[in-house]
Each structure stands twice: as C-alpha cells, then as structure tokens.
C-alpha atoms as a PDB file:
ATOM      1  CA  CYS A   1     -22.175  10.316  -9.035  1.00  0.00           C
ATOM      2  CA  GLU A   2     -22.719   7.652  -6.394  1.00  0.00           C
ATOM      3  CA  VAL A   3     -22.283   4.030  -7.453  1.00  0.00           C
ATOM      4  CA  PRO A   4     -22.511   0.830  -5.357  1.00  0.00           C
ATOM      5  CA  ILE A   5     -19.265  -1.162  -5.468  1.00  0.00           C
ATOM      6  CA  LEU A   6     -19.522  -4.940  -5.335  1.00  0.00           C
ATOM      7  CA  ASP A   7     -15.887  -5.902  -5.958  1.00  0.00           C
ATOM      8  CA  ARG A   8     -12.516  -4.446  -6.906  1.00  0.00           C
ATOM      9  CA  HIS A   9     -13.253  -4.818 -10.626  1.00  0.00           C
ATOM     10  CA  ALA A  10     -16.307  -2.558 -10.278  1.00  0.00           C
ATOM     11  CA  PHE A  11     -14.174  -0.066  -8.332  1.00  0.00           C
ATOM     12  CA  ALA A  12     -11.516  -0.053 -11.068  1.00  0.00           C
ATOM     13  CA  SER A  13     -14.232   0.523 -13.671  1.00  0.00           C
ATOM     14  CA  VAL A  14     -15.573   3.541 -11.763  1.00  0.00           C
ATOM     15  CA  LEU A  15     -12.069   5.006 -11.467  1.00  0.00           C
ATOM     16  CA  GLU A  16     -11.500   4.563 -15.198  1.00  0.00           C
ATOM     17  CA  ARG A  17     -14.786   6.292 -15.984  1.00  0.00           C
ATOM     18  CA  GLY A  18     -13.889   9.167 -13.655  1.00  0.00           C
ATOM     19  CA  GLU A  19     -10.459   9.493 -15.258  1.00  0.00           C
ATOM     20  CA  ALA A  20     -12.067   9.598 -18.715  1.00  0.00           C
ATOM     21  CA  ASN A  21     -14.448  12.379 -17.604  1.00  0.00           C
ATOM     22  CA  LYS A  22     -11.705  14.409 -15.926  1.00  0.00           C
ATOM     23  CA  ARG A  23     -11.220  17.736 -17.654  1.00  0.00           C
ATOM     24  CA  ARG A  24      -7.718  18.697 -18.722  1.00  0.00           C
ATOM     25  CA  ALA A  25      -6.516  21.580 -20.822  1.00  0.00           C
ATOM     26  CA  SER A  26      -3.345  23.406 -21.735  1.00  0.00           C
ATOM     27  CA  THR A  27      -2.476  26.700 -20.036  1.00  0.00           C
ATOM     28  CA  ALA A  28       0.620  28.868 -19.978  1.00  0.00           C
ATOM     29  CA  MET A  29       1.646  27.207 -16.688  1.00  0.00           C
ATOM     30  CA  ASN A  30       0.846  23.560 -17.436  1.00  0.00           C
ATOM     31  CA  GLU A  31       0.326  21.651 -20.674  1.00  0.00           C
ATOM     32  CA  ARG A  32      -1.954  19.097 -18.971  1.00  0.00           C
ATOM     33  CA  SER A  33      -3.639  21.196 -16.324  1.00  0.00           C
ATOM     34  CA  SER A  34      -6.474  19.603 -14.320  1.00  0.00           C
ATOM     35  CA  ARG A  35      -9.446  21.911 -14.677  1.00  0.00           C
ATOM     36  CA  ALA A  36     -11.306  20.761 -11.568  1.00  0.00           C
ATOM     37  CA  HIS A  37     -10.801  19.146  -8.180  1.00  0.00           C
ATOM     38  CA  THR A  38     -11.104  15.347  -8.024  1.00  0.00           C
ATOM     39  CA  LEU A  39     -12.779  13.540  -5.121  1.00  0.00           C
ATOM     40  CA  VAL A  40     -13.260   9.812  -4.546  1.00  0.00           C
ATOM     41  CA  ILE A  41     -15.265   9.030  -1.399  1.00  0.00           C
ATOM     42  CA  LEU A  42     -15.571   5.373  -0.362  1.00  0.00           C
ATOM     43  CA  ARG A  43     -18.286   4.472   2.137  1.00  0.00           C
ATOM     44  CA  LEU A  44     -18.297   1.079   3.852  1.00  0.00           C
ATOM     45  CA  ARG A  45     -21.326  -0.164   5.784  1.00  0.00           C
ATOM     46  CA  GLN A  46     -20.860  -2.990   8.265  1.00  0.00           C
ATOM     47  CA  ARG A  47     -23.083  -4.723  10.739  1.00  0.00           C
ATOM     48  CA  ALA A  48     -21.840  -6.843  13.595  1.00  0.00           C
ATOM     49  CA  PRO A  49     -23.355 -10.343  13.966  1.00  0.00           C
ATOM     50  CA  GLY A  50     -26.573 -10.185  15.934  1.00  0.00           C
ATOM     51  CA  LYS A  51     -26.886  -6.399  15.584  1.00  0.00           C
ATOM     52  CA  GLU A  52     -29.565  -4.465  13.672  1.00  0.00           C
ATOM     53  CA  SER A  53     -27.744  -1.136  13.363  1.00  0.00           C
ATOM     54  CA  PHE A  54     -25.032  -0.478  10.784  1.00  0.00           C
ATOM     55  CA  VAL A  55     -21.650   1.182  11.214  1.00  0.00           C
ATOM     56  CA  GLU A  56     -20.570   3.388   8.314  1.00  0.00           C
ATOM     57  CA  SER A  57     -16.976   4.375   7.646  1.00  0.00           C
ATOM     58  CA  SER A  58     -15.731   6.627   4.864  1.00  0.00           C
ATOM     59  CA  LEU A  59     -12.418   7.209   3.120  1.00  0.00           C
ATOM     60  CA  SER A  60     -11.976  10.405   1.104  1.00  0.00           C
ATOM     61  CA  LEU A  61      -9.240  10.612  -1.530  1.00  0.00           C
ATOM     62  CA  VAL A  62      -8.898  14.180  -2.812  1.00  0.00           C
ATOM     63  CA  ASP A  63      -6.724  15.605  -5.584  1.00  0.00           C
ATOM     64  CA  LEU A  64      -6.974  19.387  -5.355  1.00  0.00           C
ATOM     65  CA  GLY A  65      -6.392  21.488  -8.413  1.00  0.00           C
ATOM     66  CA  GLY A  66      -3.522  23.939  -8.098  1.00  0.00           C
ATOM     67  CA  SER A  67      -4.190  27.602  -7.393  1.00  0.00           C
ATOM     68  CA  GLU A  68      -3.806  29.674 -10.559  1.00  0.00           C
ATOM     69  CA  ARG A  69      -2.778  33.239 -11.148  1.00  0.00           C
ATOM     70  CA  VAL A  70      -4.479  34.500 -14.276  1.00  0.00           C
ATOM     71  CA  SER A  71      -1.436  36.623 -15.085  1.00  0.00           C
ATOM     72  CA  LYS A  72       0.634  33.408 -15.336  1.00  0.00           C
ATOM     73  CA  SER A  73      -1.858  30.863 -16.661  1.00  0.00           C
ATOM     74  CA  LYS A  74      -3.215  33.287 -19.311  1.00  0.00           C
ATOM     75  CA  ALA A  75      -6.637  31.709 -18.829  1.00  0.00           C
ATOM     76  CA  ASN A  76      -8.315  35.014 -19.726  1.00  0.00           C
ATOM     77  CA  GLU A  77      -6.717  35.346 -23.152  1.00  0.00           C
ATOM     78  CA  GLY A  78      -9.080  35.307 -26.092  1.00  0.00           C
ATOM     79  CA  ILE A  79     -12.141  36.430 -24.132  1.00  0.00           C
ATOM     80  CA  ARG A  80     -14.529  38.478 -26.235  1.00  0.00           C
ATOM     81  CA  ALA A  81     -17.627  40.362 -25.141  1.00  0.00           C
ATOM     82  CA  PRO A  82     -20.947  39.345 -26.658  1.00  0.00           C
ATOM     83  CA  GLY A  83     -22.552  41.640 -29.171  1.00  0.00           C
ATOM     84  CA  GLY A  84     -21.863  43.153 -32.553  1.00  0.00           C
ATOM     85  CA  LEU A  85     -19.657  45.859 -34.024  1.00  0.00           C
ATOM     86  CA  LYS A  86     -20.929  48.162 -36.746  1.00  0.00           C
ATOM     87  CA  ALA A  87     -18.965  50.445 -39.040  1.00  0.00           C
ATOM     88  CA  GLY A  88     -21.577  52.848 -40.256  1.00  0.00           C
ATOM     89  CA  GLU A  89     -24.562  50.791 -41.261  1.00  0.00           C
ATOM     90  CA  GLU A  90     -22.556  47.644 -41.854  1.00  0.00           C
ATOM     91  CA  GLU A  91     -21.991  45.019 -39.121  1.00  0.00           C
ATOM     92  CA  VAL A  92     -18.349  44.008 -39.308  1.00  0.00           C
ATOM     93  CA  ALA A  93     -18.138  41.623 -36.321  1.00  0.00           C
ATOM     94  CA  ARG A  94     -20.452  39.743 -34.021  1.00  0.00           C
ATOM     95  CA  VAL A  95     -19.872  37.476 -30.988  1.00  0.00           C
ATOM     96  CA  SER A  96     -22.747  35.220 -30.058  1.00  0.00           C
ATOM     97  CA  TRP A  97     -23.537  34.209 -26.490  1.00  0.00           C
ATOM     98  CA  GLN A  98     -22.426  30.650 -27.306  1.00  0.00           C
ATOM     99  CA  GLU A  99     -19.039  31.929 -28.489  1.00  0.00           C
ATOM    100  CA  TYR A 100     -18.797  34.161 -25.411  1.00  0.00           C
ATOM    101  CA  TYR A 101     -19.324  31.293 -22.953  1.00  0.00           C
ATOM    102  CA  SER A 102     -17.019  29.043 -24.965  1.00  0.00           C
ATOM    103  CA  CYS A 103     -14.112  31.498 -24.833  1.00  0.00           C
ATOM    104  CA  ARG A 104     -14.684  31.987 -21.077  1.00  0.00           C
ATOM    105  CA  GLN A 105     -14.364  28.255 -20.320  1.00  0.00           C
ATOM    106  CA  ARG A 106     -10.750  28.392 -19.067  1.00  0.00           C
ATOM    107  CA  ILE A 107     -11.296  31.451 -16.859  1.00  0.00           C
ATOM    108  CA  THR A 108     -14.520  29.939 -15.463  1.00  0.00           C
ATOM    109  CA  GLU A 109     -12.639  26.766 -14.528  1.00  0.00           C
ATOM    110  CA  THR A 110      -9.918  28.870 -12.895  1.00  0.00           C
ATOM    111  CA  ASN A 111     -12.508  30.781 -10.861  1.00  0.00           C
ATOM    112  CA  ASN A 112     -14.142  27.546  -9.660  1.00  0.00           C
ATOM    113  CA  ILE A 113     -10.774  26.033  -8.658  1.00  0.00           C
ATOM    114  CA  ASN A 114      -9.676  29.137  -6.779  1.00  0.00           C
ATOM    115  CA  LYS A 115     -13.059  29.545  -5.095  1.00  0.00           C
ATOM    116  CA  GLY A 116     -12.904  26.011  -3.692  1.00  0.00           C
ATOM    117  CA  LEU A 117      -9.308  26.493  -2.483  1.00  0.00           C
ATOM    118  CA  LEU A 118     -10.125  29.855  -0.908  1.00  0.00           C
ATOM    119  CA  THR A 119     -13.108  28.401   0.941  1.00  0.00           C
ATOM    120  CA  LEU A 120     -10.991  25.448   2.100  1.00  0.00           C
ATOM    121  CA  LYS A 121      -8.379  27.874   3.435  1.00  0.00           C
ATOM    122  CA  ARG A 122     -11.074  29.811   5.291  1.00  0.00           C
ATOM    123  CA  CYS A 123     -12.365  26.548   6.804  1.00  0.00           C
ATOM    124  CA  ILE A 124      -8.873  25.594   8.003  1.00  0.00           C
ATOM    125  CA  GLN A 125      -8.420  29.073   9.508  1.00  0.00           C
ATOM    126  CA  ALA A 126     -11.795  28.827  11.260  1.00  0.00           C
ATOM    127  CA  LEU A 127     -10.927  25.375  12.652  1.00  0.00           C
ATOM    128  CA  ASN A 128      -7.692  26.765  14.090  1.00  0.00           C
ATOM    129  CA  GLU A 129      -9.573  29.693  15.609  1.00  0.00           C
ATOM    130  CA  ARG A 130     -12.193  27.373  17.128  1.00  0.00           C
ATOM    131  CA  SER A 131      -9.466  25.555  19.049  1.00  0.00           C
ATOM    132  CA  LYS A 132      -8.142  28.844  20.429  1.00  0.00           C
ATOM    133  CA  TYR A 133     -11.624  30.135  21.304  1.00  0.00           C
ATOM    134  CA  GLN A 134     -12.520  26.889  23.088  1.00  0.00           C
ATOM    135  CA  ARG A 135      -9.409  27.130  25.247  1.00  0.00           C
ATOM    136  CA  LEU A 136     -10.370  30.713  26.150  1.00  0.00           C
ATOM    137  CA  GLY A 137     -13.971  29.741  26.885  1.00  0.00           C
ATOM    138  CA  ARG A 138     -15.361  31.943  24.104  1.00  0.00           C
ATOM    139  CA  GLU A 139     -17.952  31.118  21.473  1.00  0.00           C
ATOM    140  CA  PRO A 140     -16.170  29.539  18.489  1.00  0.00           C
ATOM    141  CA  PRO A 141     -16.586  31.076  15.011  1.00  0.00           C
ATOM    142  CA  ARG A 142     -18.613  29.499  12.214  1.00  0.00           C
ATOM    143  CA  VAL A 143     -16.756  27.162   9.868  1.00  0.00           C
ATOM    144  CA  PRO A 144     -17.910  27.974   6.289  1.00  0.00           C
ATOM    145  CA  PHE A 145     -18.143  24.386   5.048  1.00  0.00           C
ATOM    146  CA  TYR A 146     -21.230  25.129   2.933  1.00  0.00           C
ATOM    147  CA  ASP A 147     -19.730  28.074   1.070  1.00  0.00           C
ATOM    148  CA  SER A 148     -18.516  25.726  -1.684  1.00  0.00           C
ATOM    149  CA  LYS A 149     -19.279  22.244  -2.941  1.00  0.00           C
ATOM    150  CA  LEU A 150     -15.685  21.139  -2.290  1.00  0.00           C
ATOM    151  CA  THR A 151     -15.696  21.942   1.422  1.00  0.00           C
ATOM    152  CA  GLN A 152     -19.230  20.605   1.785  1.00  0.00           C
ATOM    153  CA  LEU A 153     -18.025  17.200   0.610  1.00  0.00           C
ATOM    154  CA  LEU A 154     -14.880  17.449   2.757  1.00  0.00           C
ATOM    155  CA  GLU A 155     -16.702  18.352   5.977  1.00  0.00           C
ATOM    156  CA  PRO A 156     -16.680  14.741   7.350  1.00  0.00           C
ATOM    157  CA  ALA A 157     -12.950  14.472   6.602  1.00  0.00           C
ATOM    158  CA  LEU A 158     -12.209  17.717   8.470  1.00  0.00           C
ATOM    159  CA  GLY A 159     -14.460  16.994  11.470  1.00  0.00           C
ATOM    160  CA  GLY A 160     -13.495  15.768  14.913  1.00  0.00           C
ATOM    161  CA  ASP A 161     -14.208  12.081  14.251  1.00  0.00           C
ATOM    162  CA  SER A 162     -11.752  11.760  11.365  1.00  0.00           C
ATOM    163  CA  ARG A 163      -8.058  11.428  10.666  1.00  0.00           C
ATOM    164  CA  THR A 164      -6.749  13.543   7.815  1.00  0.00           C
ATOM    165  CA  SER A 165      -3.383  13.662   6.055  1.00  0.00           C
ATOM    166  CA  VAL A 166      -2.459  16.512   3.712  1.00  0.00           C
ATOM    167  CA  VAL A 167       0.304  16.197   1.115  1.00  0.00           C
ATOM    168  CA  VAL A 168       1.405  19.443  -0.552  1.00  0.00           C
ATOM    169  CA  CYS A 169       3.156  19.541  -3.938  1.00  0.00           C
ATOM    170  CA  CYS A 170       5.590  22.368  -4.647  1.00  0.00           C
ATOM    171  CA  SER A 171       7.668  23.509  -7.568  1.00  0.00           C
ATOM    172  CA  ARG A 172      11.387  24.255  -7.385  1.00  0.00           C
ATOM    173  CA  GLU A 173      11.339  26.832 -10.205  1.00  0.00           C
ATOM    174  CA  GLU A 174      12.106  30.376  -9.048  1.00  0.00           C
ATOM    175  CA  GLU A 175       9.289  31.812 -11.129  1.00  0.00           C
ATOM    176  CA  HIS A 176       6.804  29.868  -8.954  1.00  0.00           C
ATOM    177  CA  ALA A 177       8.445  30.743  -5.631  1.00  0.00           C
ATOM    178  CA  GLU A 178       5.471  32.781  -4.413  1.00  0.00           C
ATOM    179  CA  GLU A 179       3.011  29.943  -5.037  1.00  0.00           C
ATOM    180  CA  THR A 180       5.406  27.484  -3.376  1.00  0.00           C
ATOM    181  CA  VAL A 181       5.632  29.596  -0.205  1.00  0.00           C
ATOM    182  CA  GLN A 182       1.844  29.958  -0.055  1.00  0.00           C
ATOM    183  CA  THR A 183       1.416  26.208  -0.484  1.00  0.00           C
ATOM    184  CA  LEU A 184       3.880  25.451   2.317  1.00  0.00           C
ATOM    185  CA  ARG A 185       2.109  27.909   4.598  1.00  0.00           C
ATOM    186  CA  PHE A 186      -1.208  26.231   3.821  1.00  0.00           C
ATOM    187  CA  GLY A 187       0.282  22.843   4.710  1.00  0.00           C
ATOM    188  CA  ARG A 188       1.588  24.209   8.008  1.00  0.00           C
ATOM    189  CA  MET A 189      -1.832  25.692   8.716  1.00  0.00           C
ATOM    190  CA  CYS A 190      -3.459  22.302   8.124  1.00  0.00           C
ATOM    191  CA  GLY A 191      -0.951  20.630  10.448  1.00  0.00           C
ATOM    192  CA  SER A 192      -1.851  22.978  13.319  1.00  0.00           C
ATOM    193  CA  VAL A 193      -5.558  22.058  13.352  1.00  0.00           C
ATOM    194  CA  GLU A 194      -6.609  20.454  16.635  1.00  0.00           C
ATOM    195  CA  GLN A 195      -9.947  18.737  16.899  1.00  0.00           C
ATOM    196  CA  GLU A 196     -11.687  17.219  19.870  1.00  0.00           C
ATOM    197  CA  THR A 197     -13.256  13.857  19.161  1.00  0.00           C
ATOM    198  CA  LYS A 198     -16.982  14.001  19.654  1.00  0.00           C
ATOM    199  CA  ALA A 199     -18.754  11.381  21.692  1.00  0.00           C
ATOM    200  CA  ALA A 200     -20.208   9.090  19.089  1.00  0.00           C
ATOM    201  CA  GLY A 201     -23.675   7.683  19.545  1.00  0.00           C
ATOM    202  CA  PHE A 202     -22.388   4.264  18.522  1.00  0.00           C
ATOM    203  CA  ASP A 203     -19.038   2.946  19.697  1.00  0.00           C
ATOM    204  CA  THR A 204     -17.568   1.057  16.752  1.00  0.00           C
ATOM    205  CA  ASN A 205     -14.685  -0.412  18.738  1.00  0.00           C
ATOM    206  CA  ALA A 206     -17.045  -1.702  21.407  1.00  0.00           C
ATOM    207  CA  ALA A 207     -19.280  -3.311  18.771  1.00  0.00           C
ATOM    208  CA  VAL A 208     -16.340  -5.029  17.087  1.00  0.00           C
ATOM    209  CA  SER A 209     -14.961  -6.157  20.431  1.00  0.00           C
ATOM    210  CA  GLN A 210     -18.328  -7.567  21.428  1.00  0.00           C
ATOM    211  CA  ALA A 211     -18.655  -9.384  18.101  1.00  0.00           C
ATOM    212  CA  LEU A 212     -15.176 -10.884  18.533  1.00  0.00           C
ATOM    213  CA  GLN A 213     -16.030 -12.066  22.028  1.00  0.00           C
ATOM    214  CA  GLN A 214     -19.190 -13.710  20.711  1.00  0.00           C
ATOM    215  CA  ILE A 215     -17.286 -15.466  17.916  1.00  0.00           C
ATOM    216  CA  ASP A 216     -14.546 -16.585  20.325  1.00  0.00           C
ATOM    217  CA  ALA A 217     -17.190 -18.076  22.618  1.00  0.00           C
ATOM    218  CA  GLU A 218     -18.721 -19.977  19.689  1.00  0.00           C
ATOM    219  CA  ILE A 219     -15.275 -21.206  18.631  1.00  0.00           C
ATOM    220  CA  ARG A 220     -14.579 -22.533  22.142  1.00  0.00           C
ATOM    221  CA  GLU A 221     -17.955 -24.291  22.184  1.00  0.00           C
ATOM    222  CA  VAL A 222     -17.378 -25.884  18.780  1.00  0.00           C
ATOM    223  CA  GLU A 223     -13.846 -26.983  19.730  1.00  0.00           C
ATOM    224  CA  ALA A 224     -15.218 -28.641  22.879  1.00  0.00           C
ATOM    225  CA  GLN A 225     -17.675 -30.589  20.698  1.00  0.00           C
ATOM    226  CA  ILE A 226     -14.811 -31.587  18.377  1.00  0.00           C
ATOM    227  CA  LEU A 227     -12.797 -32.966  21.298  1.00  0.00           C
ATOM    228  CA  LYS A 228     -15.768 -35.078  22.390  1.00  0.00           C
ATOM    229  CA  LYS A 229     -16.691 -36.440  18.965  1.00  0.00           C
ATOM    230  CA  GLU A 230     -13.404 -36.804  17.140  1.00  0.00           C
ATOM    231  CA  ARG A 231     -11.579 -40.122  17.147  1.00  0.00           C
ATOM    232  CA  TRP A 232      -8.729 -41.764  15.262  1.00  0.00           C
ATOM    233  CA  GLU A 233      -9.532 -44.476  12.748  1.00  0.00           C
ATOM    234  CA  TRP A 234      -7.407 -46.661  10.497  1.00  0.00           C
ATOM    235  CA  ARG A 235      -8.390 -46.172   6.884  1.00  0.00           C
ATOM    236  CA  MET A 236      -6.936 -47.258   3.606  1.00  0.00           C
ATOM    237  CA  GLN A 237      -6.388 -44.522   1.058  1.00  0.00           C
ATOM    238  CA  THR A 238      -5.485 -44.840  -2.579  1.00  0.00           C
ATOM    239  CA  GLN A 239      -2.705 -42.483  -3.688  1.00  0.00           C
ATOM    240  CA  THR A 240      -2.007 -41.846  -7.364  1.00  0.00           C
ATOM    241  CA  HIS A 241       1.462 -40.995  -8.659  1.00  0.00           C
ATOM    242  CA  VAL A 242       2.793 -40.324 -12.145  1.00  0.00           C
ATOM    243  CA  VAL A 243       6.070 -42.122 -12.828  1.00  0.00           C
ATOM    244  CA  ASP A 244       8.230 -40.992 -15.746  1.00  0.00           C
ATOM    245  CA  GLU A 245      10.236 -43.929 -17.029  1.00  0.00           C
ATOM    246  CA  LYS A 246      12.979 -43.435 -19.590  1.00  0.00           C
ATOM    247  CA  ASP A 247      14.807 -46.149 -21.535  1.00  0.00           C
ATOM    248  CA  THR A 248      18.494 -45.787 -20.667  1.00  0.00           C
ATOM    249  CA  GLY A 249      19.588 -48.719 -22.813  1.00  0.00           C
ATOM    250  CA  GLU A 250      20.484 -50.576 -19.634  1.00  0.00           C
ATOM    251  CA  THR A 251      24.104 -51.037 -18.582  1.00  0.00           C
ATOM    252  CA  VAL A 252      27.119 -52.824 -20.086  1.00  0.00           C
ATOM    253  CA  CYS A 253      29.862 -54.439 -17.995  1.00  0.00           C
ATOM    254  CA  HIS A 254      33.347 -54.488 -19.584  1.00  0.00           C
ATOM    255  CA  HIS A 255      34.944 -57.417 -17.782  1.00  0.00           C
ATOM    256  CA  ASP A 256      38.456 -56.898 -19.228  1.00  0.00           C
ATOM    257  CA  GLU A 257      38.607 -53.114 -18.705  1.00  0.00           C
ATOM    258  CA  GLU A 258      40.532 -51.998 -15.670  1.00  0.00           C
ATOM    259  CA  MET A 259      38.919 -49.439 -13.392  1.00  0.00           C
ATOM    260  CA  GLU A 260      40.640 -46.517 -11.696  1.00  0.00           C
ATOM    261  CA  LEU A 261      40.913 -48.408  -8.423  1.00  0.00           C
ATOM    262  CA  GLY A 262      42.879 -51.144 -10.128  1.00  0.00           C
ATOM    263  CA  LEU A 263      40.244 -53.848 -10.498  1.00  0.00           C
ATOM    264  CA  LYS A 264      38.637 -54.989 -13.740  1.00  0.00           C
ATOM    265  CA  GLY A 265      34.971 -54.860 -14.633  1.00  0.00           C
ATOM    266  CA  ALA A 266      34.125 -51.225 -15.573  1.00  0.00           C
ATOM    267  CA  VAL A 267      30.413 -50.537 -15.847  1.00  0.00           C
ATOM    268  CA  GLU A 268      29.086 -48.308 -18.656  1.00  0.00           C
ATOM    269  CA  ILE A 269      25.622 -46.711 -18.433  1.00  0.00           C
ATOM    270  CA  CYS A 270      24.265 -46.340 -21.931  1.00  0.00           C
ATOM    271  CA  ALA A 271      22.855 -43.015 -23.119  1.00  0.00           C
ATOM    272  CA  ASP A 272      19.145 -42.229 -22.802  1.00  0.00           C
ATOM    273  CA  ASP A 273      17.227 -42.504 -26.043  1.00  0.00           C
ATOM    274  CA  GLY A 274      15.062 -39.546 -25.042  1.00  0.00           C
ATOM    275  CA  ASP A 275      11.734 -41.363 -25.073  1.00  0.00           C
ATOM    276  CA  SER A 276       9.534 -40.498 -22.097  1.00  0.00           C
ATOM    277  CA  LYS A 277       7.203 -43.184 -20.814  1.00  0.00           C
ATOM    278  CA  LYS A 278       4.821 -41.857 -18.195  1.00  0.00           C
ATOM    279  CA  GLN A 279       2.760 -44.291 -16.203  1.00  0.00           C
ATOM    280  CA  VAL A 280       0.071 -43.724 -13.606  1.00  0.00           C
ATOM    281  CA  VAL A 281       0.697 -45.867 -10.550  1.00  0.00           C
ATOM    282  CA  GLU A 282      -1.778 -46.301  -7.713  1.00  0.00           C
ATOM    283  CA  HIS A 283      -0.685 -47.212  -4.202  1.00  0.00           C
ATOM    284  CA  GLN A 284      -2.902 -48.279  -1.344  1.00  0.00           C
ATOM    285  CA  VAL A 285      -1.704 -46.753   1.904  1.00  0.00           C
ATOM    286  CA  TRP A 286      -3.038 -47.368   5.395  1.00  0.00           C
ATOM    287  CA  GLY A 287      -3.072 -44.479   7.833  1.00  0.00           C
ATOM    288  CA  GLN A 288      -4.882 -42.912  10.782  1.00  0.00           C
ATOM    289  CA  VAL A 289      -7.371 -40.069  10.212  1.00  0.00           C
ATOM    290  CA  LEU A 290      -9.609 -38.025  12.509  1.00  0.00           C
ATOM    291  CA  VAL A 291     -13.328 -38.667  11.980  1.00  0.00           C
ATOM    292  CA  GLY A 292     -16.604 -38.027  13.745  1.00  0.00           C
ATOM    293  CA  ALA A 293     -16.691 -34.201  13.824  1.00  0.00           C
ATOM    294  CA  GLU A 294     -16.706 -33.176  10.163  1.00  0.00           C
ATOM    295  CA  ALA A 295     -19.628 -30.721  10.523  1.00  0.00           C
ATOM    296  CA  GLU A 296     -18.065 -29.119  13.616  1.00  0.00           C
ATOM    297  CA  ASN A 297     -14.750 -28.618  11.786  1.00  0.00           C
ATOM    298  CA  ILE A 298     -16.550 -26.867   8.924  1.00  0.00           C
ATOM    299  CA  ARG A 299     -18.341 -24.624  11.430  1.00  0.00           C
ATOM    300  CA  ARG A 300     -15.065 -23.767  13.189  1.00  0.00           C
ATOM    301  CA  ASP A 301     -13.400 -22.820   9.879  1.00  0.00           C
ATOM    302  CA  GLU A 302     -16.324 -20.527   9.048  1.00  0.00           C
ATOM    303  CA  LEU A 303     -16.098 -18.823  12.458  1.00  0.00           C
ATOM    304  CA  LEU A 304     -12.352 -18.323  12.031  1.00  0.00           C
ATOM    305  CA  ARG A 305     -12.911 -16.677   8.629  1.00  0.00           C
ATOM    306  CA  ARG A 306     -15.516 -14.339  10.132  1.00  0.00           C
ATOM    307  CA  ARG A 307     -13.133 -13.446  12.935  1.00  0.00           C
ATOM    308  CA  LEU A 308     -10.352 -12.685  10.438  1.00  0.00           C
ATOM    309  CA  ARG A 309     -12.641 -10.391   8.434  1.00  0.00           C
ATOM    310  CA  LEU A 310     -13.621  -8.452  11.560  1.00  0.00           C
ATOM    311  CA  LEU A 311      -9.946  -7.903  12.318  1.00  0.00           C
ATOM    312  CA  GLY A 312      -9.438  -6.488   8.809  1.00  0.00           C
ATOM    313  CA  GLY A 313      -7.665  -9.483   7.260  1.00  0.00           C
ATOM    314  CA  GLY A 314      -8.483 -11.265   4.016  1.00  0.00           C
ATOM    315  CA  SER A 315     -10.835 -14.218   4.012  1.00  0.00           C
ATOM    316  CA  GLY A 316      -8.453 -16.324   1.926  1.00  0.00           C
ATOM    317  CA  ASP A 317     -11.340 -17.200  -0.377  1.00  0.00           C
ATOM    318  CA  ALA A 318     -12.622 -14.759  -2.981  1.00  0.00           C
ATOM    319  CA  ASP A 319     -16.034 -16.427  -3.006  1.00  0.00           C
ATOM    320  CA  ALA A 320     -16.420 -16.583   0.766  1.00  0.00           C
ATOM    321  CA  PRO A 321     -19.625 -14.923   2.028  1.00  0.00           C
ATOM    322  CA  VAL A 322     -19.313 -11.511   3.620  1.00  0.00           C
END
C-alpha cells in the first residue's frame, strides 16, 4: 500500500501496521521464518523556492527472505492432493480444494520467496554482463526486472542513478554451509556491479545550489537593511527573581568563649528551622537594546531556517513551516 506520511508519528504507525501484517511461520529451519520479502520505499518530493517543477528522491529499505531448500525446511510436508478415496462403494477419505490450498500455503510461500531471489540474481548477473558488453561495444543483454514483483519494485534502486548497499546474513552452522557460500557469492556479485550514471533531465544539485544562492542574496539584503535601521536605545526592564529565605535563628556571640586564634568572642550560627519562605522580588534594570529592525530580524531568521532545511539540517522548531 502507498500512504502519505505527514510526520514521524504517522511513519511509525505505518511501520507498526506493516509489522502486524507480516507473515511468519515455523519451519524445520526457523521457528519464526519470514514468509515473504519486506519492502519499505520512502519517496520525498521537494521544490526549490521559485521553481514549479518538483524533485523526487526515494529510499528503499528491503529485508529479503532467506532462500529455502524444501528438503531442509520441510515446507512440503502434509500436502495432500484434492479428491476422494473410495474402498469399494464407500468413500473413506476426501480432501476439498480449500484443504488442498491450505496445506500448500508453506510451499507456496517458499516458491514465491525463491522466485523473487532467483529473479534478483538474474538481474544482478545481467547488470554485470551489461558493463562488460558496453566496454566491448556490444549490445547489452536485457535485465529481467519485470519477471517478478520484487525486482520490479527494486529497479530504481538498482539503476544507474542510485546508490545501493547490500548486507548479507550468514549462518556459522556446518549444516548450512552450502547456503552460506551461495549467499557470500551473491554478495560478491552485487559488489561487482558497475553502473554509469545517466544524464538526468533535472540537475538536483544545481537546483539546490541555485536556491541557496538566492537565499544568501536575500539574507545579505536583509542584513544591509538591519544595519541601516537598527540603533541602540536605553530602556528600563523589569526582571523578576524568586528569593528563598530561610530562618536561621540568627547568630549568637559568646563574648567569654575563647576562639582558636586566642581571642574571645566566638560566634555561633543557629540551626535552620527548615521553613522555606519564597518571595518574588522585582528589579528595575536599565540597559541598552537594539531596536528599529524587528521585522527584518524576523525575516532573516526565517531565511536562515530555510537555508538550514535545504542543507539537510533540522529546523529547530517542530512547528516551523516546510
């Protein structure tokens, strides 16, 4: 499904719904086996200030299901053919079509997983061959992206205008050594893919650079207006402070008691009674402040936030306009 995302809370909700719908089942190889591939594709549309066309970027997060051998996963156990069994004139057993498809659920999931992985492997092989054919000046082979739904969705991530990272997961158990070797070979095959970046019809970097130049020019213009309008003025401000007074019982002077230095007149500070007496005290303070360019300062702050967003930084304000 495709859902518009307005904030991170909506994104978290979509991920939770996808996790709830994710199929898992127990097999002989894995007690919590994922029974399908998982794809999360994020698309971001941006438009530079003063431009009518949009720039779309995408991020694909893919969790591929592991390749299964039926002899190890036992996904085909319990499969029964549809129909009935008669002993003489008496029907002793019958398997309905609903029961037939139900008992084939695990093997059907295995077939779908392996089909997607096989097609992905063929696409990676074709991409490697295209690089070799292009160097030799020969016609490159067809890449079978549309042979499965998985590779159809992954085509933008495997094209020339993308950057792709592949992380392979292997098992250290000896009984899975063959699958581990195949997985490592697949990872090496992915790492050898070379793609030539196609000339894009719209240069994103140029658009961002142009937008930054425009914002910088506006910032310089606004700062020049601030320098002309701003001035220092003496103003009185009222500052409020909270003072916590505690009754210490004052002090007692023992005139006849000799102190350590040899003189008499030791001073004793009586213990605090623990009562807190908070008072609000206002002070009037004179100081110099800059005035005369309040609107220009607000405009400059807005331009700086826009510039920070274009550079990929946070706005610093969750409610700031995008």
